[in-house]
Amino acid sequence: MMSSHNPLVRQAEQNVVTSLLDEVEGLVSPPGVCMRLFELIHAPNTGVKEIAAVVAVDPNLTVRLLRIANSSFYNFSNKIDTVSRAITVIGITELYQLVLSISAVKSFTNIPNELVKMDTFWRHSIYTALLARALAVRANILHPERLFVAGLMHDIGSLVLYNQRPEEMRDILLTADGDEELLYQAELEQFGFTHASLAGSLLEKWMIPEELQQAVCWHHQPEMAQSANLEACLIYLANHLVNQSEKGNFMGSAMAEVQPPATMLKEAGLDEDQLLLAFEDAAEQFPAMVQSLI
């Protein structure tokens, strides 16, 4: 069911969104390992050994997880060579979020589409995720790694629309001409909802925390987010800046020279020097994260 925090979507459009999500449910449902981890994390007296055993069932997931744990994303001084060790140094909650991120890329890549190159899509999403996390660190936000998950999934609604509404989206993409703000407005006029609100609904189905649902749902209009205004602002900034960068545009080509929106920087309590440092962090972590996730 569509979240009540999305007043842009009327009941008629809510029914359409529900139908769209039902149609792709088999392709984008969270893998069993995510559901099992979610249950263990929220169960009393769960130990590291039990959680590590669930992850170890999937060798591919284990390899990717350890690759990220040993990358500049964390920059640990000692090598992390077991899932148990990763849980100890990263923490159970963040490990779950990393597992969810790895699984999301695999699950959503299964949605067939002809309108976007999946490599381009995920490179944009990963760069946005890394920059959102780096900005969150400098904005002193609690648990900044949450913003990596939100940044990674901020455009997943687009994959559903590309698959389920290809003709309409082809026209919208031509109209937008690489400008995601124009794309957002065109979707709203065409459907009554957008890729952002659709992504927020998907995160609700995946039982992602409410503040991240809102951050994703309102990443084009942060002022509309209720209890996640700062998170939505950070995703907006990261998405906007990555779209203008040389290698991060959602359609694969840079828009223009990067110009940070002054009002959003002020809202996030950041300055341009902090922005530059965040970009440097994201750029450094980008190659290893692409290798680990795509």
C-alpha atoms as a PDB file:
ATOM      1  CA  MET A   1       0.000   0.000   0.000  1.00  0.00           C
ATOM      2  CA  MET A   2       1.244   3.486  -0.818  1.00  0.00           C
ATOM      3  CA  SER A   3       2.667   5.328   2.155  1.00  0.00           C
ATOM      4  CA  SER A   4       0.459   7.973   3.729  1.00  0.00           C
ATOM      5  CA  HIS A   5       3.402  10.438   3.631  1.00  0.00           C
ATOM      6  CA  ASN A   6       2.949  11.022  -0.105  1.00  0.00           C
ATOM      7  CA  PRO A   7       0.169  13.592  -0.629  1.00  0.00           C
ATOM      8  CA  LEU A   8       1.139  14.043  -4.301  1.00  0.00           C
ATOM      9  CA  VAL A   9      -0.484  10.716  -5.060  1.00  0.00           C
ATOM     10  CA  ARG A  10      -4.284  10.585  -5.129  1.00  0.00           C
ATOM     11  CA  GLN A  11      -6.219   7.379  -4.449  1.00  0.00           C
ATOM     12  CA  ALA A  12      -6.573   6.567  -8.146  1.00  0.00           C
ATOM     13  CA  GLU A  13      -2.820   6.850  -8.629  1.00  0.00           C
ATOM     14  CA  GLN A  14      -2.240   4.839  -5.449  1.00  0.00           C
ATOM     15  CA  ASN A  15      -4.106   1.978  -7.062  1.00  0.00           C
ATOM     16  CA  VAL A  16      -1.902   2.255 -10.156  1.00  0.00           C
ATOM     17  CA  VAL A  17       1.262   2.251  -8.031  1.00  0.00           C
ATOM     18  CA  THR A  18       0.063  -0.802  -6.104  1.00  0.00           C
ATOM     19  CA  SER A  19      -0.646  -2.563  -9.392  1.00  0.00           C
ATOM     20  CA  LEU A  20       2.792  -1.662 -10.782  1.00  0.00           C
ATOM     21  CA  LEU A  21       4.543  -3.014  -7.711  1.00  0.00           C
ATOM     22  CA  ASP A  22       2.446  -6.188  -7.767  1.00  0.00           C
ATOM     23  CA  GLU A  23       3.404  -6.774 -11.402  1.00  0.00           C
ATOM     24  CA  VAL A  24       7.140  -6.703 -10.651  1.00  0.00           C
ATOM     25  CA  GLU A  25       6.982  -8.221  -7.175  1.00  0.00           C
ATOM     26  CA  GLY A  26       8.630 -11.480  -8.277  1.00  0.00           C
ATOM     27  CA  LEU A  27      11.553  -9.552  -9.733  1.00  0.00           C
ATOM     28  CA  VAL A  28      12.200  -7.084  -6.930  1.00  0.00           C
ATOM     29  CA  SER A  29      11.274  -8.965  -3.763  1.00  0.00           C
ATOM     30  CA  PRO A  30      14.092  -8.949  -1.206  1.00  0.00           C
ATOM     31  CA  PRO A  31      16.062 -12.232  -1.271  1.00  0.00           C
ATOM     32  CA  GLY A  32      15.536 -14.776   1.479  1.00  0.00           C
ATOM     33  CA  VAL A  33      18.876 -13.917   3.110  1.00  0.00           C
ATOM     34  CA  CYS A  34      17.658 -10.337   3.685  1.00  0.00           C
ATOM     35  CA  MET A  35      14.414 -11.475   5.244  1.00  0.00           C
ATOM     36  CA  ARG A  36      16.217 -13.964   7.494  1.00  0.00           C
ATOM     37  CA  LEU A  37      18.740 -11.352   8.594  1.00  0.00           C
ATOM     38  CA  PHE A  38      15.937  -8.887   9.300  1.00  0.00           C
ATOM     39  CA  GLU A  39      14.260 -11.476  11.549  1.00  0.00           C
ATOM     40  CA  LEU A  40      17.500 -12.294  13.365  1.00  0.00           C
ATOM     41  CA  ILE A  41      18.432  -8.653  13.943  1.00  0.00           C
ATOM     42  CA  HIS A  42      15.056  -7.982  15.546  1.00  0.00           C
ATOM     43  CA  ALA A  43      15.017 -11.189  17.585  1.00  0.00           C
ATOM     44  CA  PRO A  44      16.279 -11.259  21.190  1.00  0.00           C
ATOM     45  CA  ASN A  45      19.639 -12.839  21.993  1.00  0.00           C
ATOM     46  CA  THR A  46      20.838 -13.164  18.398  1.00  0.00           C
ATOM     47  CA  GLY A  47      24.591 -13.728  18.220  1.00  0.00           C
ATOM     48  CA  VAL A  48      27.250 -12.872  15.671  1.00  0.00           C
ATOM     49  CA  LYS A  49      27.702 -16.551  14.866  1.00  0.00           C
ATOM     50  CA  GLU A  50      24.064 -16.983  13.807  1.00  0.00           C
ATOM     51  CA  ILE A  51      24.115 -13.911  11.568  1.00  0.00           C
ATOM     52  CA  ALA A  52      27.412 -14.906   9.964  1.00  0.00           C
ATOM     53  CA  ALA A  53      26.019 -18.376   9.217  1.00  0.00           C
ATOM     54  CA  VAL A  54      23.094 -16.875   7.272  1.00  0.00           C
ATOM     55  CA  VAL A  55      25.398 -14.710   5.140  1.00  0.00           C
ATOM     56  CA  ALA A  56      27.852 -17.568   4.553  1.00  0.00           C
ATOM     57  CA  VAL A  57      25.146 -19.600   2.782  1.00  0.00           C
ATOM     58  CA  ASP A  58      25.593 -17.250  -0.208  1.00  0.00           C
ATOM     59  CA  PRO A  59      29.271 -17.344  -1.328  1.00  0.00           C
ATOM     60  CA  ASN A  60      28.822 -14.531  -3.852  1.00  0.00           C
ATOM     61  CA  LEU A  61      27.292 -12.283  -1.197  1.00  0.00           C
ATOM     62  CA  THR A  62      30.107 -13.145   1.222  1.00  0.00           C
ATOM     63  CA  VAL A  63      32.820 -12.245  -1.301  1.00  0.00           C
ATOM     64  CA  ARG A  64      31.188  -8.914  -2.167  1.00  0.00           C
ATOM     65  CA  LEU A  65      30.600  -8.072   1.485  1.00  0.00           C
ATOM     66  CA  LEU A  66      34.214  -8.725   2.455  1.00  0.00           C
ATOM     67  CA  ARG A  67      35.446  -6.791  -0.595  1.00  0.00           C
ATOM     68  CA  ILE A  68      33.496  -3.717   0.574  1.00  0.00           C
ATOM     69  CA  ALA A  69      34.636  -4.188   4.183  1.00  0.00           C
ATOM     70  CA  ASN A  70      38.264  -4.097   2.998  1.00  0.00           C
ATOM     71  CA  SER A  71      37.822  -1.130   0.651  1.00  0.00           C
ATOM     72  CA  SER A  72      38.393   2.589   1.232  1.00  0.00           C
ATOM     73  CA  PHE A  73      34.680   2.795   2.070  1.00  0.00           C
ATOM     74  CA  TYR A  74      35.723   1.817   5.610  1.00  0.00           C
ATOM     75  CA  ASN A  75      39.502   2.188   5.430  1.00  0.00           C
ATOM     76  CA  PHE A  76      40.169  -0.289   8.247  1.00  0.00           C
ATOM     77  CA  SER A  77      43.856  -0.740   9.041  1.00  0.00           C
ATOM     78  CA  ASN A  78      43.605  -4.536   9.404  1.00  0.00           C
ATOM     79  CA  LYS A  79      42.269  -6.991   6.847  1.00  0.00           C
ATOM     80  CA  ILE A  80      38.705  -8.237   7.418  1.00  0.00           C
ATOM     81  CA  ASP A  81      38.759 -11.898   6.337  1.00  0.00           C
ATOM     82  CA  THR A  82      35.573 -13.358   7.877  1.00  0.00           C
ATOM     83  CA  VAL A  83      31.935 -12.333   8.042  1.00  0.00           C
ATOM     84  CA  SER A  84      32.079 -12.642  11.828  1.00  0.00           C
ATOM     85  CA  ARG A  85      34.935 -10.142  11.953  1.00  0.00           C
ATOM     86  CA  ALA A  86      33.041  -7.838   9.590  1.00  0.00           C
ATOM     87  CA  ILE A  87      30.030  -7.928  11.897  1.00  0.00           C
ATOM     88  CA  THR A  88      32.227  -7.155  14.900  1.00  0.00           C
ATOM     89  CA  VAL A  89      33.869  -4.077  13.383  1.00  0.00           C
ATOM     90  CA  ILE A  90      30.994  -2.804  11.231  1.00  0.00           C
ATOM     91  CA  GLY A  91      28.042  -3.661  13.441  1.00  0.00           C
ATOM     92  CA  ILE A  92      24.951  -5.767  12.851  1.00  0.00           C
ATOM     93  CA  THR A  93      22.726  -2.971  11.564  1.00  0.00           C
ATOM     94  CA  GLU A  94      25.230  -1.682   9.040  1.00  0.00           C
ATOM     95  CA  LEU A  95      26.046  -5.204   7.889  1.00  0.00           C
ATOM     96  CA  TYR A  96      22.349  -5.709   7.184  1.00  0.00           C
ATOM     97  CA  GLN A  97      22.266  -2.488   5.192  1.00  0.00           C
ATOM     98  CA  LEU A  98      25.266  -3.613   3.135  1.00  0.00           C
ATOM     99  CA  VAL A  99      23.642  -6.994   2.474  1.00  0.00           C
ATOM    100  CA  LEU A 100      20.474  -5.189   1.453  1.00  0.00           C
ATOM    101  CA  SER A 101      22.442  -2.927  -0.906  1.00  0.00           C
ATOM    102  CA  ILE A 102      24.217  -5.847  -2.567  1.00  0.00           C
ATOM    103  CA  SER A 103      20.952  -7.755  -2.884  1.00  0.00           C
ATOM    104  CA  ALA A 104      19.071  -4.740  -4.246  1.00  0.00           C
ATOM    105  CA  VAL A 105      21.506  -4.317  -7.136  1.00  0.00           C
ATOM    106  CA  LYS A 106      21.126  -7.998  -8.006  1.00  0.00           C
ATOM    107  CA  SER A 107      17.330  -7.993  -7.663  1.00  0.00           C
ATOM    108  CA  PHE A 108      16.559  -4.786  -9.551  1.00  0.00           C
ATOM    109  CA  THR A 109      18.989  -5.650 -12.327  1.00  0.00           C
ATOM    110  CA  ASN A 110      16.607  -8.508 -13.150  1.00  0.00           C
ATOM    111  CA  ILE A 111      13.980  -6.026 -14.386  1.00  0.00           C
ATOM    112  CA  PRO A 112      14.206  -6.135 -18.204  1.00  0.00           C
ATOM    113  CA  ASN A 113      14.176  -2.759 -19.945  1.00  0.00           C
ATOM    114  CA  GLU A 114      15.256  -1.188 -23.213  1.00  0.00           C
ATOM    115  CA  LEU A 115      15.503   2.449 -22.145  1.00  0.00           C
ATOM    116  CA  VAL A 116      18.586   2.532 -19.951  1.00  0.00           C
ATOM    117  CA  LYS A 117      21.966   0.847 -19.749  1.00  0.00           C
ATOM    118  CA  MET A 118      22.069  -0.916 -16.410  1.00  0.00           C
ATOM    119  CA  ASP A 119      25.759  -0.131 -15.969  1.00  0.00           C
ATOM    120  CA  THR A 120      25.011   3.593 -16.380  1.00  0.00           C
ATOM    121  CA  PHE A 121      22.039   3.379 -14.018  1.00  0.00           C
ATOM    122  CA  TRP A 122      23.971   1.689 -11.226  1.00  0.00           C
ATOM    123  CA  ARG A 123      27.070   3.856 -11.633  1.00  0.00           C
ATOM    124  CA  HIS A 124      24.849   6.915 -11.103  1.00  0.00           C
ATOM    125  CA  SER A 125      23.175   5.277  -8.103  1.00  0.00           C
ATOM    126  CA  ILE A 126      26.462   4.178  -6.509  1.00  0.00           C
ATOM    127  CA  TYR A 127      28.087   7.584  -6.980  1.00  0.00           C
ATOM    128  CA  THR A 128      24.996   9.267  -5.482  1.00  0.00           C
ATOM    129  CA  ALA A 129      25.060   6.829  -2.561  1.00  0.00           C
ATOM    130  CA  LEU A 130      28.736   7.458  -1.813  1.00  0.00           C
ATOM    131  CA  LEU A 131      28.360  11.223  -2.039  1.00  0.00           C
ATOM    132  CA  ALA A 132      25.221  11.189   0.130  1.00  0.00           C
ATOM    133  CA  ARG A 133      27.108   9.240   2.811  1.00  0.00           C
ATOM    134  CA  ALA A 134      30.121  11.566   2.594  1.00  0.00           C
ATOM    135  CA  LEU A 135      27.856  14.615   2.901  1.00  0.00           C
ATOM    136  CA  ALA A 136      26.027  13.016   5.829  1.00  0.00           C
ATOM    137  CA  VAL A 137      29.342  12.563   7.672  1.00  0.00           C
ATOM    138  CA  ARG A 138      30.083  16.279   7.271  1.00  0.00           C
ATOM    139  CA  ALA A 139      26.532  17.235   8.251  1.00  0.00           C
ATOM    140  CA  ASN A 140      27.056  15.277  11.509  1.00  0.00           C
ATOM    141  CA  ILE A 141      24.022  13.129  10.784  1.00  0.00           C
ATOM    142  CA  LEU A 142      23.513  10.073  13.001  1.00  0.00           C
ATOM    143  CA  HIS A 143      24.498   6.795  11.303  1.00  0.00           C
ATOM    144  CA  PRO A 144      25.577   8.332   7.976  1.00  0.00           C
ATOM    145  CA  GLU A 145      25.777   4.887   6.354  1.00  0.00           C
ATOM    146  CA  ARG A 146      21.963   4.981   6.148  1.00  0.00           C
ATOM    147  CA  LEU A 147      22.320   7.601   3.450  1.00  0.00           C
ATOM    148  CA  PHE A 148      24.347   5.190   1.336  1.00  0.00           C
ATOM    149  CA  VAL A 149      21.363   2.822   1.219  1.00  0.00           C
ATOM    150  CA  ALA A 150      18.936   5.650   0.393  1.00  0.00           C
ATOM    151  CA  GLY A 151      21.260   7.042  -2.264  1.00  0.00           C
ATOM    152  CA  LEU A 152      21.712   3.644  -3.861  1.00  0.00           C
ATOM    153  CA  MET A 153      17.963   3.088  -4.108  1.00  0.00           C
ATOM    154  CA  HIS A 154      16.767   6.625  -4.856  1.00  0.00           C
ATOM    155  CA  ASP A 155      15.984   5.904  -8.533  1.00  0.00           C
ATOM    156  CA  ILE A 156      14.803   2.295  -8.391  1.00  0.00           C
ATOM    157  CA  GLY A 157      11.281   3.453  -9.217  1.00  0.00           C
ATOM    158  CA  SER A 158      12.602   4.420 -12.646  1.00  0.00           C
ATOM    159  CA  LEU A 159      13.440   0.784 -13.408  1.00  0.00           C
ATOM    160  CA  VAL A 160       9.848  -0.214 -12.698  1.00  0.00           C
ATOM    161  CA  LEU A 161       8.521   2.562 -14.947  1.00  0.00           C
ATOM    162  CA  TYR A 162      10.968   1.700 -17.735  1.00  0.00           C
ATOM    163  CA  ASN A 163       9.745  -1.889 -17.595  1.00  0.00           C
ATOM    164  CA  GLN A 164       6.017  -1.323 -17.094  1.00  0.00           C
ATOM    165  CA  ARG A 165       5.466   1.955 -18.971  1.00  0.00           C
ATOM    166  CA  PRO A 166       8.165   1.903 -21.694  1.00  0.00           C
ATOM    167  CA  GLU A 167       6.357   3.967 -24.346  1.00  0.00           C
ATOM    168  CA  GLU A 168       5.395   6.783 -21.996  1.00  0.00           C
ATOM    169  CA  MET A 169       8.872   6.786 -20.421  1.00  0.00           C
ATOM    170  CA  ARG A 170      10.542   6.890 -23.842  1.00  0.00           C
ATOM    171  CA  ASP A 171       8.642  10.098 -24.615  1.00  0.00           C
ATOM    172  CA  ILE A 172       9.411  11.523 -21.170  1.00  0.00           C
ATOM    173  CA  LEU A 173      13.124  10.778 -21.518  1.00  0.00           C
ATOM    174  CA  LEU A 174      13.197  12.539 -24.881  1.00  0.00           C
ATOM    175  CA  THR A 175      11.459  15.548 -23.346  1.00  0.00           C
ATOM    176  CA  ALA A 176      13.797  15.617 -20.329  1.00  0.00           C
ATOM    177  CA  ASP A 177      16.946  15.374 -22.503  1.00  0.00           C
ATOM    178  CA  GLY A 178      19.149  14.337 -19.577  1.00  0.00           C
ATOM    179  CA  ASP A 179      17.606  16.770 -17.060  1.00  0.00           C
ATOM    180  CA  GLU A 180      16.193  14.751 -14.168  1.00  0.00           C
ATOM    181  CA  GLU A 181      14.224  17.673 -12.775  1.00  0.00           C
ATOM    182  CA  LEU A 182      12.329  17.908 -16.094  1.00  0.00           C
ATOM    183  CA  LEU A 183      11.887  14.140 -16.005  1.00  0.00           C
ATOM    184  CA  TYR A 184      10.389  14.353 -12.517  1.00  0.00           C
ATOM    185  CA  GLN A 185       7.856  17.008 -13.536  1.00  0.00           C
ATOM    186  CA  ALA A 186       6.943  15.165 -16.736  1.00  0.00           C
ATOM    187  CA  GLU A 187       6.303  11.948 -14.793  1.00  0.00           C
ATOM    188  CA  LEU A 188       4.078  13.804 -12.351  1.00  0.00           C
ATOM    189  CA  GLU A 189       2.027  15.273 -15.204  1.00  0.00           C
ATOM    190  CA  GLN A 190       1.818  11.961 -17.072  1.00  0.00           C
ATOM    191  CA  PHE A 191       1.160   9.535 -14.220  1.00  0.00           C
ATOM    192  CA  GLY A 192       0.183  11.572 -11.153  1.00  0.00           C
ATOM    193  CA  PHE A 193       3.207  10.091  -9.334  1.00  0.00           C
ATOM    194  CA  THR A 194       6.956   9.871 -10.011  1.00  0.00           C
ATOM    195  CA  HIS A 195       9.892   7.495  -9.950  1.00  0.00           C
ATOM    196  CA  ALA A 196      10.735   8.964  -6.524  1.00  0.00           C
ATOM    197  CA  SER A 197       7.358   8.230  -4.916  1.00  0.00           C
ATOM    198  CA  LEU A 198       7.364   4.787  -6.526  1.00  0.00           C
ATOM    199  CA  ALA A 199      10.818   4.127  -5.056  1.00  0.00           C
ATOM    200  CA  GLY A 200       9.559   5.230  -1.638  1.00  0.00           C
ATOM    201  CA  SER A 201       6.759   2.674  -1.878  1.00  0.00           C
ATOM    202  CA  LEU A 202       9.215  -0.048  -2.857  1.00  0.00           C
ATOM    203  CA  LEU A 203      11.354   0.759   0.183  1.00  0.00           C
ATOM    204  CA  GLU A 204       8.248   0.451   2.316  1.00  0.00           C
ATOM    205  CA  LYS A 205       7.680  -3.048   0.932  1.00  0.00           C
ATOM    206  CA  TRP A 206      11.318  -3.858   1.704  1.00  0.00           C
ATOM    207  CA  MET A 207      10.789  -2.661   5.297  1.00  0.00           C
ATOM    208  CA  ILE A 208      13.406   0.089   5.017  1.00  0.00           C
ATOM    209  CA  PRO A 209      13.091   2.622   7.892  1.00  0.00           C
ATOM    210  CA  GLU A 210      10.493   5.366   7.498  1.00  0.00           C
ATOM    211  CA  GLU A 211      12.970   8.253   7.369  1.00  0.00           C
ATOM    212  CA  LEU A 212      14.760   6.652   4.414  1.00  0.00           C
ATOM    213  CA  GLN A 213      11.444   6.067   2.657  1.00  0.00           C
ATOM    214  CA  GLN A 214      10.747   9.772   2.988  1.00  0.00           C
ATOM    215  CA  ALA A 215      14.256  10.798   1.938  1.00  0.00           C
ATOM    216  CA  VAL A 216      13.911   8.790  -1.271  1.00  0.00           C
ATOM    217  CA  CYS A 217      10.281   9.741  -1.912  1.00  0.00           C
ATOM    218  CA  TRP A 218      11.083  13.462  -1.612  1.00  0.00           C
ATOM    219  CA  HIS A 219      14.631  13.652  -2.979  1.00  0.00           C
ATOM    220  CA  HIS A 220      13.409  16.099  -5.641  1.00  0.00           C
ATOM    221  CA  GLN A 221      11.364  18.137  -3.117  1.00  0.00           C
ATOM    222  CA  PRO A 222      13.140  17.896   0.257  1.00  0.00           C
ATOM    223  CA  GLU A 223      10.901  20.549   1.788  1.00  0.00           C
ATOM    224  CA  MET A 224       8.001  18.081   1.555  1.00  0.00           C
ATOM    225  CA  ALA A 225       9.678  15.431   3.721  1.00  0.00           C
ATOM    226  CA  GLN A 226       8.131  15.262   7.160  1.00  0.00           C
ATOM    227  CA  SER A 227      10.578  13.811   9.666  1.00  0.00           C
ATOM    228  CA  ALA A 228      13.438  13.344   7.192  1.00  0.00           C
ATOM    229  CA  ASN A 229      14.027  16.825   5.817  1.00  0.00           C
ATOM    230  CA  LEU A 230      17.806  16.713   6.287  1.00  0.00           C
ATOM    231  CA  GLU A 231      18.105  13.212   4.816  1.00  0.00           C
ATOM    232  CA  ALA A 232      16.009  14.225   1.786  1.00  0.00           C
ATOM    233  CA  CYS A 233      18.121  17.355   1.379  1.00  0.00           C
ATOM    234  CA  LEU A 234      21.334  15.313   1.353  1.00  0.00           C
ATOM    235  CA  ILE A 235      19.971  12.901  -1.263  1.00  0.00           C
ATOM    236  CA  TYR A 236      18.834  15.895  -3.340  1.00  0.00           C
ATOM    237  CA  LEU A 237      22.299  17.444  -3.153  1.00  0.00           C
ATOM    238  CA  ALA A 238      24.095  14.205  -3.978  1.00  0.00           C
ATOM    239  CA  ASN A 239      21.769  13.391  -6.884  1.00  0.00           C
ATOM    240  CA  HIS A 240      21.919  16.934  -8.285  1.00  0.00           C
ATOM    241  CA  LEU A 241      25.697  17.147  -8.117  1.00  0.00           C
ATOM    242  CA  VAL A 242      26.339  13.648  -9.463  1.00  0.00           C
ATOM    243  CA  ASN A 243      24.031  14.362 -12.416  1.00  0.00           C
ATOM    244  CA  GLN A 244      26.242  17.324 -13.280  1.00  0.00           C
ATOM    245  CA  SER A 245      29.504  15.420 -12.885  1.00  0.00           C
ATOM    246  CA  GLU A 246      31.508  13.903 -15.733  1.00  0.00           C
ATOM    247  CA  LYS A 247      30.790  10.270 -14.907  1.00  0.00           C
ATOM    248  CA  GLY A 248      27.622  10.327 -12.851  1.00  0.00           C
ATOM    249  CA  ASN A 249      24.706  11.612 -14.941  1.00  0.00           C
ATOM    250  CA  PHE A 250      21.714   9.287 -14.840  1.00  0.00           C
ATOM    251  CA  MET A 251      21.714   9.126 -18.657  1.00  0.00           C
ATOM    252  CA  GLY A 252      25.481   8.830 -18.941  1.00  0.00           C
ATOM    253  CA  SER A 253      26.532  12.366 -19.915  1.00  0.00           C
ATOM    254  CA  ALA A 254      27.344  15.383 -17.745  1.00  0.00           C
ATOM    255  CA  MET A 255      24.886  18.268 -17.805  1.00  0.00           C
ATOM    256  CA  ALA A 256      27.092  21.266 -17.031  1.00  0.00           C
ATOM    257  CA  GLU A 257      29.644  22.631 -14.619  1.00  0.00           C
ATOM    258  CA  VAL A 258      28.814  21.565 -11.078  1.00  0.00           C
ATOM    259  CA  GLN A 259      26.922  24.316  -9.264  1.00  0.00           C
ATOM    260  CA  PRO A 260      25.782  23.391  -5.748  1.00  0.00           C
ATOM    261  CA  PRO A 261      22.338  24.800  -4.877  1.00  0.00           C
ATOM    262  CA  ALA A 262      23.094  27.418  -2.219  1.00  0.00           C
ATOM    263  CA  THR A 263      19.749  27.011  -0.436  1.00  0.00           C
ATOM    264  CA  MET A 264      20.194  23.249  -0.091  1.00  0.00           C
ATOM    265  CA  LEU A 265      23.755  23.620   1.158  1.00  0.00           C
ATOM    266  CA  LYS A 266      22.519  26.049   3.783  1.00  0.00           C
ATOM    267  CA  GLU A 267      19.672  23.708   4.723  1.00  0.00           C
ATOM    268  CA  ALA A 268      22.174  20.884   5.237  1.00  0.00           C
ATOM    269  CA  GLY A 269      24.549  23.150   7.177  1.00  0.00           C
ATOM    270  CA  LEU A 270      27.364  22.577   4.674  1.00  0.00           C
ATOM    271  CA  ASP A 271      29.752  24.844   2.808  1.00  0.00           C
ATOM    272  CA  GLU A 272      31.517  24.427  -0.532  1.00  0.00           C
ATOM    273  CA  ASP A 273      34.780  23.296   1.065  1.00  0.00           C
ATOM    274  CA  GLN A 274      32.974  20.439   2.792  1.00  0.00           C
ATOM    275  CA  LEU A 275      31.281  19.635  -0.493  1.00  0.00           C
ATOM    276  CA  LEU A 276      34.643  19.379  -2.249  1.00  0.00           C
ATOM    277  CA  LEU A 277      36.009  17.063   0.432  1.00  0.00           C
ATOM    278  CA  ALA A 278      32.888  14.885   0.184  1.00  0.00           C
ATOM    279  CA  PHE A 279      33.342  14.662  -3.592  1.00  0.00           C
ATOM    280  CA  GLU A 280      36.959  13.600  -3.077  1.00  0.00           C
ATOM    281  CA  ASP A 281      35.895  10.829  -0.681  1.00  0.00           C
ATOM    282  CA  ALA A 282      33.183   9.593  -3.043  1.00  0.00           C
ATOM    283  CA  ALA A 283      35.532   9.632  -6.042  1.00  0.00           C
ATOM    284  CA  GLU A 284      38.155   7.639  -4.137  1.00  0.00           C
ATOM    285  CA  GLN A 285      35.644   4.983  -3.041  1.00  0.00           C
ATOM    286  CA  PHE A 286      33.778   4.811  -6.360  1.00  0.00           C
ATOM    287  CA  PRO A 287      35.919   2.305  -8.358  1.00  0.00           C
ATOM    288  CA  ALA A 288      36.030  -0.311  -5.591  1.00  0.00           C
ATOM    289  CA  MET A 289      32.310   0.038  -4.857  1.00  0.00           C
ATOM    290  CA  VAL A 290      31.397  -0.332  -8.541  1.00  0.00           C
ATOM    291  CA  GLN A 291      33.515  -3.485  -8.703  1.00  0.00           C
ATOM    292  CA  SER A 292      31.854  -4.856  -5.575  1.00  0.00           C
ATOM    293  CA  LEU A 293      28.234  -4.107  -6.476  1.00  0.00           C
ATOM    294  CA  ILE A 294      27.817  -4.286 -10.258  1.00  0.00           C
END
